[in-house]
Amino acid sequence: MSDQFGDSYYFELQQRLQQIMVAIQSHLNHEIIELINGAINANECGIALEMISDALIEANSPIDLTIRDEIASLAAKMKMPSHVADQLGVLIKAK
C-alpha cells in the first residue's frame, strides 16, 4: 500500500500496534488477540486500534498509563476520535 503517507508511515503504525499487543496480551483472550493481529497484518491500523481499545474496556482489566498514552498517541497520529483512548481512563492502574 503506497499513498500520500508512504510505506514507512504504515510500517511504523503496525510496529507500534504490535508493541501494544505484546504489552496487553495477558489482558485479552486468544480469539480477540488473533482478530486484532489479523487487522494489524491486513494494514487496518485504525480498526485494530479501535478493537484494542474496545477489547480492553470489555475485559475491564487495569492497564498502565503508558499503554493508554501510546494508544492516545497513535489515535492522534491517525486522526482518530479521542474516545478511542479517553474511554480507557477508567482502567488506569492506581500507583
Protein backbone atom coordinates (compact mmCIF):
# COMPACT_ATOMS: atom_id res chain seq x y z
CA MET A 1 0.00 0.00 0.00
CA SER A 2 1.53 3.28 -1.04
CA ASP A 3 -0.25 6.61 -0.88
CA GLN A 4 0.27 10.13 0.43
CA PHE A 5 1.68 8.84 3.73
CA GLY A 6 4.11 6.30 2.31
CA ASP A 7 5.00 2.78 3.30
CA SER A 8 7.12 3.86 6.27
CA TYR A 9 4.10 5.54 7.89
CA TYR A 10 2.10 2.30 7.81
CA PHE A 11 5.09 0.22 8.88
CA GLU A 12 5.52 2.44 11.94
CA LEU A 13 1.83 2.13 12.83
CA GLN A 14 1.97 -1.65 12.53
CA GLN A 15 5.10 -1.82 14.68
CA ARG A 16 3.59 0.35 17.40
CA LEU A 17 0.35 -1.64 17.37
CA GLN A 18 2.31 -4.89 17.67
CA GLN A 19 4.19 -3.45 20.66
CA ILE A 20 0.89 -2.60 22.33
CA MET A 21 -0.35 -6.12 21.68
CA VAL A 22 2.71 -7.60 23.39
CA ALA A 23 2.08 -5.38 26.41
CA ILE A 24 -1.64 -6.23 26.71
CA GLN A 25 -1.78 -9.87 25.62
CA SER A 26 -2.35 -11.08 29.18
CA HIS A 27 -5.49 -8.91 29.35
CA LEU A 28 -7.24 -10.46 26.33
CA ASN A 29 -8.40 -13.90 25.26
CA HIS A 30 -6.73 -15.73 22.39
CA GLU A 31 -9.59 -15.21 19.91
CA ILE A 32 -9.57 -11.43 20.37
CA ILE A 33 -5.78 -11.35 20.06
CA GLU A 34 -5.98 -13.27 16.77
CA LEU A 35 -8.67 -10.93 15.40
CA ILE A 36 -6.68 -7.81 16.29
CA ASN A 37 -3.44 -9.27 14.91
CA GLY A 38 -5.31 -10.08 11.69
CA ALA A 39 -6.38 -6.45 11.37
CA ILE A 40 -2.81 -5.28 12.01
CA ASN A 41 -1.41 -7.70 9.43
CA ALA A 42 -4.03 -6.56 6.90
CA ASN A 43 -2.83 -2.98 7.50
CA GLU A 44 -6.18 -1.99 9.00
CA CYS A 45 -4.42 0.01 11.71
CA GLY A 46 -7.34 2.24 12.66
CA ILE A 47 -9.67 -0.72 13.01
CA ALA A 48 -7.04 -2.57 15.04
CA LEU A 49 -6.61 0.37 17.42
CA GLU A 50 -10.37 0.64 17.96
CA MET A 51 -10.53 -3.12 18.54
CA ILE A 52 -7.74 -2.88 21.12
CA SER A 53 -9.49 -0.10 22.98
CA ASP A 54 -12.88 -1.81 22.92
CA ALA A 55 -11.40 -5.19 23.95
CA LEU A 56 -9.62 -3.64 26.92
CA ILE A 57 -12.83 -1.96 28.06
CA GLU A 58 -14.75 -5.21 27.69
CA ALA A 59 -12.06 -7.12 29.63
CA ASN A 60 -12.22 -4.49 32.39
CA SER A 61 -8.59 -5.20 33.23
CA PRO A 62 -6.38 -2.48 34.72
CA ILE A 63 -3.71 -1.09 32.38
CA ASP A 64 -0.67 1.12 32.85
CA LEU A 65 -0.91 4.78 31.97
CA THR A 66 1.84 4.22 29.37
CA ILE A 67 -0.46 1.89 27.42
CA ARG A 68 -3.26 4.46 27.40
CA ASP A 69 -0.80 7.16 26.38
CA GLU A 70 0.55 5.07 23.48
CA ILE A 71 -3.00 4.39 22.29
CA ALA A 72 -3.77 8.13 22.55
CA SER A 73 -0.61 8.97 20.60
CA LEU A 74 -1.48 6.52 17.82
CA ALA A 75 -5.08 7.74 17.69
CA ALA A 76 -3.85 11.32 17.30
CA LYS A 77 -1.32 10.32 14.64
CA MET A 78 -4.07 8.60 12.66
CA LYS A 79 -6.50 11.49 13.29
CA MET A 80 -8.96 9.21 15.04
CA PRO A 81 -11.58 10.38 17.56
CA SER A 82 -10.20 10.92 21.06
CA HIS A 83 -12.69 8.48 22.62
CA VAL A 84 -10.50 5.61 21.38
CA ALA A 85 -8.07 6.42 24.20
CA ASP A 86 -10.25 8.51 26.50
CA GLN A 87 -12.51 5.58 27.34
CA LEU A 88 -9.50 3.73 28.77
CA GLY A 89 -9.09 6.25 31.59
CA VAL A 90 -11.26 4.12 33.87
CA LEU A 91 -8.81 1.21 33.51
CA ILE A 92 -5.60 3.00 34.51
CA LYS A 93 -3.91 1.34 37.47
CA ALA A 94 -3.52 3.46 40.56
CA LYS A 95 0.11 3.91 41.52
